[in-house]
Amino acid sequence: MKELLEESPLVRDLVTMIFTGLPILFAAGLFASCFQEETESALALGWNLLGAVVGGILEYGSMFLGIKALYLLALCLYAAAGMGIVFQRGSR
């Protein structure tokens, strides 16, 4: 894979767009699915704002931990949020 990314700028750019775009896509999907079912939209938007603030803090944390550690942390946080949604829907 490393050789493929070094040889072709197009493939390198596409892989970069996929890996940087997927977290944004998943976050938007999670928020949209939760917001659609929410009766108190102000509360949902407030949680979204809090998430943006925490995300900004974690982004600055990448200067301390490194970008690879930040990707792993983001993956764990998105997985926890997704599992929380699944368990919350199952308890209704």
PDB file of N, CA and C in Angstrom:
ATOM      1  N   MET A   1       0.834  -1.193   0.000  1.00  0.00           N
ATOM      2  CA  MET A   1       0.000   0.000   0.000  1.00  0.00           C
ATOM      3  C   MET A   1       0.876   1.252   0.000  1.00  0.00           C
ATOM      4  N   LYS A   2       1.960   1.213   0.753  1.00  0.00           N
ATOM      5  CA  LYS A   2       2.831   2.378   0.843  1.00  0.00           C
ATOM      6  C   LYS A   2       3.368   2.770  -0.533  1.00  0.00           C
ATOM      7  N   GLU A   3       3.763   1.771  -1.321  1.00  0.00           N
ATOM      8  CA  GLU A   3       4.286   2.048  -2.652  1.00  0.00           C
ATOM      9  C   GLU A   3       3.226   2.668  -3.549  1.00  0.00           C
ATOM     10  N   LEU A   4       1.990   2.186  -3.413  1.00  0.00           N
ATOM     11  CA  LEU A   4       0.896   2.713  -4.219  1.00  0.00           C
ATOM     12  C   LEU A   4       0.637   4.182  -3.896  1.00  0.00           C
ATOM     13  N   LEU A   5       0.686   4.526  -2.621  1.00  0.00           N
ATOM     14  CA  LEU A   5       0.456   5.909  -2.223  1.00  0.00           C
ATOM     15  C   LEU A   5       1.605   6.816  -2.649  1.00  0.00           C
ATOM     16  N   GLU A   6       2.817   6.287  -2.681  1.00  0.00           N
ATOM     17  CA  GLU A   6       3.964   7.099  -3.094  1.00  0.00           C
ATOM     18  C   GLU A   6       3.998   7.310  -4.595  1.00  0.00           C
ATOM     19  N   GLU A   7       3.482   6.358  -5.356  1.00  0.00           N
ATOM     20  CA  GLU A   7       3.542   6.422  -6.810  1.00  0.00           C
ATOM     21  C   GLU A   7       2.485   7.346  -7.411  1.00  0.00           C
ATOM     22  N   SER A   8       1.284   7.263  -6.922  1.00  0.00           N
ATOM     23  CA  SER A   8       0.177   7.963  -7.561  1.00  0.00           C
ATOM     24  C   SER A   8      -0.367   9.082  -6.661  1.00  0.00           C
ATOM     25  N   PRO A   9      -0.198  10.328  -7.073  1.00  0.00           N
ATOM     26  CA  PRO A   9      -0.763  11.426  -6.286  1.00  0.00           C
ATOM     27  C   PRO A   9      -2.290  11.372  -6.226  1.00  0.00           C
ATOM     28  N   LEU A  10      -2.919  10.873  -7.291  1.00  0.00           N
ATOM     29  CA  LEU A  10      -4.379  10.780  -7.310  1.00  0.00           C
ATOM     30  C   LEU A  10      -4.876   9.805  -6.247  1.00  0.00           C
ATOM     31  N   VAL A  11      -4.250   8.640  -6.181  1.00  0.00           N
ATOM     32  CA  VAL A  11      -4.657   7.648  -5.177  1.00  0.00           C
ATOM     33  C   VAL A  11      -4.389   8.191  -3.781  1.00  0.00           C
ATOM     34  N   ARG A  12      -3.238   8.818  -3.595  1.00  0.00           N
ATOM     35  CA  ARG A  12      -2.895   9.398  -2.289  1.00  0.00           C
ATOM     36  C   ARG A  12      -3.934  10.431  -1.873  1.00  0.00           C
ATOM     37  N   ASP A  13      -4.335  11.295  -2.819  1.00  0.00           N
ATOM     38  CA  ASP A  13      -5.326  12.320  -2.497  1.00  0.00           C
ATOM     39  C   ASP A  13      -6.694  11.720  -2.192  1.00  0.00           C
ATOM     40  N   LEU A  14      -7.083  10.692  -2.947  1.00  0.00           N
ATOM     41  CA  LEU A  14      -8.376  10.041  -2.694  1.00  0.00           C
ATOM     42  C   LEU A  14      -8.400   9.357  -1.325  1.00  0.00           C
ATOM     43  N   VAL A  15      -7.318   8.657  -0.988  1.00  0.00           N
ATOM     44  CA  VAL A  15      -7.244   7.992   0.320  1.00  0.00           C
ATOM     45  C   VAL A  15      -7.282   9.022   1.438  1.00  0.00           C
ATOM     46  N   THR A  16      -6.586  10.129   1.248  1.00  0.00           N
ATOM     47  CA  THR A  16      -6.596  11.195   2.251  1.00  0.00           C
ATOM     48  C   THR A  16      -7.991  11.767   2.424  1.00  0.00           C
ATOM     49  N   MET A  17      -8.691  12.007   1.317  1.00  0.00           N
ATOM     50  CA  MET A  17     -10.055  12.554   1.411  1.00  0.00           C
ATOM     51  C   MET A  17     -11.000  11.588   2.113  1.00  0.00           C
ATOM     52  N   ILE A  18     -10.834  10.299   1.843  1.00  0.00           N
ATOM     53  CA  ILE A  18     -11.701   9.304   2.480  1.00  0.00           C
ATOM     54  C   ILE A  18     -11.453   9.262   3.987  1.00  0.00           C
ATOM     55  N   PHE A  19     -10.177   9.196   4.395  1.00  0.00           N
ATOM     56  CA  PHE A  19      -9.872   9.077   5.812  1.00  0.00           C
ATOM     57  C   PHE A  19     -10.163  10.354   6.595  1.00  0.00           C
ATOM     58  N   THR A  20     -10.090  11.510   5.963  1.00  0.00           N
ATOM     59  CA  THR A  20     -10.428  12.735   6.687  1.00  0.00           C
ATOM     60  C   THR A  20     -11.919  13.032   6.619  1.00  0.00           C
ATOM     61  N   GLY A  21     -12.586  12.544   5.607  1.00  0.00           N
ATOM     62  CA  GLY A  21     -14.015  12.821   5.455  1.00  0.00           C
ATOM     63  C   GLY A  21     -14.927  11.871   6.197  1.00  0.00           C
ATOM     64  N   LEU A  22     -14.492  10.630   6.396  1.00  0.00           N
ATOM     65  CA  LEU A  22     -15.352   9.649   7.061  1.00  0.00           C
ATOM     66  C   LEU A  22     -15.766  10.048   8.479  1.00  0.00           C
ATOM     67  N   PRO A  23     -14.861  10.549   9.320  1.00  0.00           N
ATOM     68  CA  PRO A  23     -15.311  10.955  10.657  1.00  0.00           C
ATOM     69  C   PRO A  23     -16.379  12.054  10.611  1.00  0.00           C
ATOM     70  N   ILE A  24     -16.248  12.975   9.687  1.00  0.00           N
ATOM     71  CA  ILE A  24     -17.249  14.043   9.552  1.00  0.00           C
ATOM     72  C   ILE A  24     -18.578  13.458   9.093  1.00  0.00           C
ATOM     73  N   LEU A  25     -18.530  12.522   8.153  1.00  0.00           N
ATOM     74  CA  LEU A  25     -19.751  11.874   7.664  1.00  0.00           C
ATOM     75  C   LEU A  25     -20.451  11.111   8.781  1.00  0.00           C
ATOM     76  N   PHE A  26     -19.690  10.344   9.573  1.00  0.00           N
ATOM     77  CA  PHE A  26     -20.288   9.587  10.670  1.00  0.00           C
ATOM     78  C   PHE A  26     -20.870  10.515  11.738  1.00  0.00           C
ATOM     79  N   ALA A  27     -20.165  11.590  12.045  1.00  0.00           N
ATOM     80  CA  ALA A  27     -20.673  12.538  13.037  1.00  0.00           C
ATOM     81  C   ALA A  27     -21.965  13.179  12.567  1.00  0.00           C
ATOM     82  N   ALA A  28     -22.018  13.559  11.309  1.00  0.00           N
ATOM     83  CA  ALA A  28     -23.233  14.171  10.765  1.00  0.00           C
ATOM     84  C   ALA A  28     -24.390  13.179  10.770  1.00  0.00           C
ATOM     85  N   GLY A  29     -24.108  11.928  10.431  1.00  0.00           N
ATOM     86  CA  GLY A  29     -25.154  10.905  10.437  1.00  0.00           C
ATOM     87  C   GLY A  29     -25.687  10.632  11.829  1.00  0.00           C
ATOM     88  N   LEU A  30     -24.780  10.551  12.806  1.00  0.00           N
ATOM     89  CA  LEU A  30     -25.220  10.339  14.186  1.00  0.00           C
ATOM     90  C   LEU A  30     -26.074  11.496  14.676  1.00  0.00           C
ATOM     91  N   PHE A  31     -25.629  12.714  14.403  1.00  0.00           N
ATOM     92  CA  PHE A  31     -26.388  13.871  14.862  1.00  0.00           C
ATOM     93  C   PHE A  31     -27.746  13.937  14.166  1.00  0.00           C
ATOM     94  N   ALA A  32     -27.776  13.704  12.867  1.00  0.00           N
ATOM     95  CA  ALA A  32     -29.043  13.787  12.131  1.00  0.00           C
ATOM     96  C   ALA A  32     -30.041  12.742  12.617  1.00  0.00           C
ATOM     97  N   SER A  33     -29.565  11.519  12.874  1.00  0.00           N
ATOM     98  CA  SER A  33     -30.494  10.483  13.332  1.00  0.00           C
ATOM     99  C   SER A  33     -31.019  10.795  14.733  1.00  0.00           C
ATOM    100  N   CYS A  34     -30.165  11.342  15.589  1.00  0.00           N
ATOM    101  CA  CYS A  34     -30.608  11.703  16.939  1.00  0.00           C
ATOM    102  C   CYS A  34     -31.518  12.932  16.914  1.00  0.00           C
ATOM    103  N   PHE A  35     -31.169  13.916  16.104  1.00  0.00           N
ATOM    104  CA  PHE A  35     -31.932  15.161  16.053  1.00  0.00           C
ATOM    105  C   PHE A  35     -33.328  14.931  15.484  1.00  0.00           C
ATOM    106  N   GLN A  36     -33.443  13.979  14.574  1.00  0.00           N
ATOM    107  CA  GLN A  36     -34.734  13.678  13.956  1.00  0.00           C
ATOM    108  C   GLN A  36     -35.745  13.176  14.993  1.00  0.00           C
ATOM    109  N   GLU A  37     -35.270  12.440  15.983  1.00  0.00           N
ATOM    110  CA  GLU A  37     -36.162  11.869  16.989  1.00  0.00           C
ATOM    111  C   GLU A  37     -36.302  12.733  18.234  1.00  0.00           C
ATOM    112  N   GLU A  38     -35.542  13.806  18.315  1.00  0.00           N
ATOM    113  CA  GLU A  38     -35.513  14.640  19.524  1.00  0.00           C
ATOM    114  C   GLU A  38     -36.719  15.576  19.574  1.00  0.00           C
ATOM    115  N   THR A  39     -37.360  15.635  20.721  1.00  0.00           N
ATOM    116  CA  THR A  39     -38.492  16.552  20.890  1.00  0.00           C
ATOM    117  C   THR A  39     -38.021  17.919  21.381  1.00  0.00           C
ATOM    118  N   GLU A  40     -36.881  17.958  22.070  1.00  0.00           N
ATOM    119  CA  GLU A  40     -36.319  19.225  22.555  1.00  0.00           C
ATOM    120  C   GLU A  40     -35.106  19.580  21.696  1.00  0.00           C
ATOM    121  N   SER A  41     -35.355  20.315  20.617  1.00  0.00           N
ATOM    122  CA  SER A  41     -34.279  20.615  19.676  1.00  0.00           C
ATOM    123  C   SER A  41     -33.203  21.511  20.285  1.00  0.00           C
ATOM    124  N   ALA A  42     -33.558  22.407  21.188  1.00  0.00           N
ATOM    125  CA  ALA A  42     -32.560  23.281  21.808  1.00  0.00           C
ATOM    126  C   ALA A  42     -31.564  22.462  22.622  1.00  0.00           C
ATOM    127  N   LEU A  43     -32.042  21.457  23.320  1.00  0.00           N
ATOM    128  CA  LEU A  43     -31.157  20.593  24.097  1.00  0.00           C
ATOM    129  C   LEU A  43     -30.212  19.824  23.175  1.00  0.00           C
ATOM    130  N   ALA A  44     -30.736  19.307  22.079  1.00  0.00           N
ATOM    131  CA  ALA A  44     -29.905  18.563  21.129  1.00  0.00           C
ATOM    132  C   ALA A  44     -28.837  19.465  20.516  1.00  0.00           C
ATOM    133  N   LEU A  45     -29.197  20.681  20.164  1.00  0.00           N
ATOM    134  CA  LEU A  45     -28.218  21.607  19.605  1.00  0.00           C
ATOM    135  C   LEU A  45     -27.168  21.996  20.646  1.00  0.00           C
ATOM    136  N   GLY A  46     -27.579  22.099  21.902  1.00  0.00           N
ATOM    137  CA  GLY A  46     -26.637  22.387  22.979  1.00  0.00           C
ATOM    138  C   GLY A  46     -25.621  21.270  23.145  1.00  0.00           C
ATOM    139  N   TRP A  47     -26.079  20.032  23.095  1.00  0.00           N
ATOM    140  CA  TRP A  47     -25.150  18.896  23.176  1.00  0.00           C
ATOM    141  C   TRP A  47     -24.213  18.883  21.976  1.00  0.00           C
ATOM    142  N   ASN A  48     -24.746  19.250  20.816  1.00  0.00           N
ATOM    143  CA  ASN A  48     -23.903  19.306  19.624  1.00  0.00           C
ATOM    144  C   ASN A  48     -22.810  20.368  19.794  1.00  0.00           C
ATOM    145  N   LEU A  49     -23.176  21.497  20.355  1.00  0.00           N
ATOM    146  CA  LEU A  49     -22.192  22.555  20.599  1.00  0.00           C
ATOM    147  C   LEU A  49     -21.146  22.098  21.616  1.00  0.00           C
ATOM    148  N   LEU A  50     -21.591  21.424  22.653  1.00  0.00           N
ATOM    149  CA  LEU A  50     -20.653  20.888  23.634  1.00  0.00           C
ATOM    150  C   LEU A  50     -19.695  19.893  22.978  1.00  0.00           C
ATOM    151  N   GLY A  51     -20.211  19.081  22.101  1.00  0.00           N
ATOM    152  CA  GLY A  51     -19.362  18.135  21.372  1.00  0.00           C
ATOM    153  C   GLY A  51     -18.336  18.834  20.504  1.00  0.00           C
ATOM    154  N   ALA A  52     -18.731  19.947  19.901  1.00  0.00           N
ATOM    155  CA  ALA A  52     -17.783  20.716  19.087  1.00  0.00           C
ATOM    156  C   ALA A  52     -16.671  21.296  19.956  1.00  0.00           C
ATOM    157  N   VAL A  53     -17.020  21.763  21.136  1.00  0.00           N
ATOM    158  CA  VAL A  53     -16.017  22.313  22.048  1.00  0.00           C
ATOM    159  C   VAL A  53     -15.060  21.213  22.506  1.00  0.00           C
ATOM    160  N   VAL A  54     -15.605  20.067  22.909  1.00  0.00           N
ATOM    161  CA  VAL A  54     -14.755  18.954  23.341  1.00  0.00           C
ATOM    162  C   VAL A  54     -13.874  18.477  22.177  1.00  0.00           C
ATOM    163  N   GLY A  55     -14.446  18.445  20.982  1.00  0.00           N
ATOM    164  CA  GLY A  55     -13.661  18.065  19.809  1.00  0.00           C
ATOM    165  C   GLY A  55     -12.510  19.027  19.562  1.00  0.00           C
ATOM    166  N   GLY A  56     -12.758  20.319  19.757  1.00  0.00           N
ATOM    167  CA  GLY A  56     -11.684  21.301  19.612  1.00  0.00           C
ATOM    168  C   GLY A  56     -10.591  21.114  20.638  1.00  0.00           C
ATOM    169  N   ILE A  57     -10.991  20.795  21.857  1.00  0.00           N
ATOM    170  CA  ILE A  57      -9.999  20.530  22.914  1.00  0.00           C
ATOM    171  C   ILE A  57      -9.179  19.289  22.567  1.00  0.00           C
ATOM    172  N   LEU A  58      -9.855  18.261  22.069  1.00  0.00           N
ATOM    173  CA  LEU A  58      -9.134  17.044  21.681  1.00  0.00           C
ATOM    174  C   LEU A  58      -8.207  17.306  20.501  1.00  0.00           C
ATOM    175  N   GLU A  59      -8.624  18.176  19.596  1.00  0.00           N
ATOM    176  CA  GLU A  59      -7.763  18.517  18.469  1.00  0.00           C
ATOM    177  C   GLU A  59      -6.471  19.164  18.956  1.00  0.00           C
ATOM    178  N   TYR A  60      -6.581  20.063  19.916  1.00  0.00           N
ATOM    179  CA  TYR A  60      -5.377  20.648  20.491  1.00  0.00           C
ATOM    180  C   TYR A  60      -4.571  19.611  21.263  1.00  0.00           C
ATOM    181  N   GLY A  61      -5.247  18.605  21.778  1.00  0.00           N
ATOM    182  CA  GLY A  61      -4.556  17.517  22.457  1.00  0.00           C
ATOM    183  C   GLY A  61      -3.667  16.720  21.521  1.00  0.00           C
ATOM    184  N   SER A  62      -3.956  16.791  20.219  1.00  0.00           N
ATOM    185  CA  SER A  62      -3.119  16.077  19.260  1.00  0.00           C
ATOM    186  C   SER A  62      -1.702  16.634  19.229  1.00  0.00           C
ATOM    187  N   MET A  63      -1.537  17.880  19.650  1.00  0.00           N
ATOM    188  CA  MET A  63      -0.183  18.438  19.723  1.00  0.00           C
ATOM    189  C   MET A  63       0.629  17.739  20.817  1.00  0.00           C
ATOM    190  N   PHE A  64      -0.069  17.277  21.837  1.00  0.00           N
ATOM    191  CA  PHE A  64       0.597  16.583  22.943  1.00  0.00           C
ATOM    192  C   PHE A  64       0.699  15.082  22.674  1.00  0.00           C
ATOM    193  N   LEU A  65      -0.407  14.485  22.224  1.00  0.00           N
ATOM    194  CA  LEU A  65      -0.464  13.030  22.061  1.00  0.00           C
ATOM    195  C   LEU A  65       0.000  12.555  20.693  1.00  0.00           C
ATOM    196  N   GLY A  66      -0.123  13.396  19.690  1.00  0.00           N
ATOM    197  CA  GLY A  66       0.177  12.990  18.320  1.00  0.00           C
ATOM    198  C   GLY A  66      -1.106  12.694  17.572  1.00  0.00           C
ATOM    199  N   ILE A  67      -1.053  12.831  16.272  1.00  0.00           N
ATOM    200  CA  ILE A  67      -2.259  12.701  15.453  1.00  0.00           C
ATOM    201  C   ILE A  67      -2.769  11.258  15.406  1.00  0.00           C
ATOM    202  N   LYS A  68      -1.877  10.274  15.440  1.00  0.00           N
ATOM    203  CA  LYS A  68      -2.326   8.875  15.412  1.00  0.00           C
ATOM    204  C   LYS A  68      -3.126   8.534  16.664  1.00  0.00           C
ATOM    205  N   ALA A  69      -2.690   9.020  17.802  1.00  0.00           N
ATOM    206  CA  ALA A  69      -3.426   8.778  19.041  1.00  0.00           C
ATOM    207  C   ALA A  69      -4.781   9.475  18.996  1.00  0.00           C
ATOM    208  N   LEU A  70      -4.840  10.646  18.361  1.00  0.00           N
ATOM    209  CA  LEU A  70      -6.104  11.363  18.251  1.00  0.00           C
ATOM    210  C   LEU A  70      -7.105  10.600  17.391  1.00  0.00           C
ATOM    211  N   TYR A  71      -6.632   9.986  16.301  1.00  0.00           N
ATOM    212  CA  TYR A  71      -7.525   9.182  15.466  1.00  0.00           C
ATOM    213  C   TYR A  71      -8.095   8.011  16.254  1.00  0.00           C
ATOM    214  N   LEU A  72      -7.262   7.342  17.029  1.00  0.00           N
ATOM    215  CA  LEU A  72      -7.751   6.228  17.833  1.00  0.00           C
ATOM    216  C   LEU A  72      -8.748   6.692  18.887  1.00  0.00           C
ATOM    217  N   LEU A  73      -8.475   7.830  19.511  1.00  0.00           N
ATOM    218  CA  LEU A  73      -9.388   8.374  20.504  1.00  0.00           C
ATOM    219  C   LEU A  73     -10.724   8.759  19.863  1.00  0.00           C
ATOM    220  N   ALA A  74     -10.672   9.379  18.694  1.00  0.00           N
ATOM    221  CA  ALA A  74     -11.905   9.751  17.991  1.00  0.00           C
ATOM    222  C   ALA A  74     -12.710   8.515  17.617  1.00  0.00           C
ATOM    223  N   LEU A  75     -12.039   7.478  17.145  1.00  0.00           N
ATOM    224  CA  LEU A  75     -12.724   6.234  16.808  1.00  0.00           C
ATOM    225  C   LEU A  75     -13.428   5.656  18.031  1.00  0.00           C
ATOM    226  N   CYS A  76     -12.754   5.662  19.167  1.00  0.00           N
ATOM    227  CA  CYS A  76     -13.360   5.147  20.405  1.00  0.00           C
ATOM    228  C   CYS A  76     -14.557   5.997  20.837  1.00  0.00           C
ATOM    229  N   LEU A  77     -14.441   7.313  20.714  1.00  0.00           N
ATOM    230  CA  LEU A  77     -15.549   8.193  21.105  1.00  0.00           C
ATOM    231  C   LEU A  77     -16.766   8.011  20.194  1.00  0.00           C
ATOM    232  N   TYR A  78     -16.527   7.898  18.881  1.00  0.00           N
ATOM    233  CA  TYR A  78     -17.646   7.675  17.960  1.00  0.00           C
ATOM    234  C   TYR A  78     -18.294   6.318  18.208  1.00  0.00           C
ATOM    235  N   ALA A  79     -17.493   5.297  18.487  1.00  0.00           N
ATOM    236  CA  ALA A  79     -18.038   3.973  18.785  1.00  0.00           C
ATOM    237  C   ALA A  79     -18.869   4.008  20.068  1.00  0.00           C
ATOM    238  N   ALA A  80     -18.375   4.716  21.088  1.00  0.00           N
ATOM    239  CA  ALA A  80     -19.128   4.834  22.338  1.00  0.00           C
ATOM    240  C   ALA A  80     -20.436   5.583  22.123  1.00  0.00           C
ATOM    241  N   ALA A  81     -20.398   6.640  21.322  1.00  0.00           N
ATOM    242  CA  ALA A  81     -21.631   7.385  21.038  1.00  0.00           C
ATOM    243  C   ALA A  81     -22.629   6.519  20.278  1.00  0.00           C
ATOM    244  N   GLY A  82     -22.139   5.773  19.313  1.00  0.00           N
ATOM    245  CA  GLY A  82     -23.021   4.887  18.552  1.00  0.00           C
ATOM    246  C   GLY A  82     -23.633   3.800  19.409  1.00  0.00           C
ATOM    247  N   MET A  83     -22.819   3.212  20.295  1.00  0.00           N
ATOM    248  CA  MET A  83     -23.354   2.185  21.191  1.00  0.00           C
ATOM    249  C   MET A  83     -24.354   2.785  22.173  1.00  0.00           C
ATOM    250  N   GLY A  84     -24.092   3.999  22.631  1.00  0.00           N
ATOM    251  CA  GLY A  84     -25.046   4.668  23.521  1.00  0.00           C
ATOM    252  C   GLY A  84     -26.397   4.869  22.858  1.00  0.00           C
ATOM    253  N   ILE A  85     -26.380   5.239  21.587  1.00  0.00           N
ATOM    254  CA  ILE A  85     -27.622   5.428  20.849  1.00  0.00           C
ATOM    255  C   ILE A  85     -28.357   4.101  20.692  1.00  0.00           C
ATOM    256  N   VAL A  86     -27.619   3.051  20.351  1.00  0.00           N
ATOM    257  CA  VAL A  86     -28.241   1.732  20.170  1.00  0.00           C
ATOM    258  C   VAL A  86     -28.854   1.249  21.483  1.00  0.00           C
ATOM    259  N   PHE A  87     -28.121   1.378  22.586  1.00  0.00           N
ATOM    260  CA  PHE A  87     -28.648   0.932  23.882  1.00  0.00           C
ATOM    261  C   PHE A  87     -29.834   1.793  24.337  1.00  0.00           C
ATOM    262  N   GLN A  88     -29.802   3.077  24.032  1.00  0.00           N
ATOM    263  CA  GLN A  88     -30.908   3.953  24.420  1.00  0.00           C
ATOM    264  C   GLN A  88     -32.168   3.597  23.648  1.00  0.00           C
ATOM    265  N   ARG A  89     -32.017   3.302  22.366  1.00  0.00           N
ATOM    266  CA  ARG A  89     -33.183   2.905  21.563  1.00  0.00           C
ATOM    267  C   ARG A  89     -33.723   1.561  21.987  1.00  0.00           C
ATOM    268  N   GLY A  90     -32.838   0.675  22.430  1.00  0.00           N
ATOM    269  CA  GLY A  90     -33.268  -0.651  22.873  1.00  0.00           C
ATOM    270  C   GLY A  90     -34.026  -0.615  24.181  1.00  0.00           C
ATOM    271  N   SER A  91     -33.784   0.400  24.999  1.00  0.00           N
ATOM    272  CA  SER A  91     -34.458   0.494  26.300  1.00  0.00           C
ATOM    273  C   SER A  91     -35.804   1.204  26.221  1.00  0.00           C
ATOM    274  N   ARG A  92     -36.132   1.732  25.060  1.00  0.00           N
ATOM    275  CA  ARG A  92     -37.436   2.440  24.921  1.00  0.00           C
ATOM    276  C   ARG A  92     -38.571   1.494  24.738  1.00  0.00           C
TER     277      ARG A  92
END
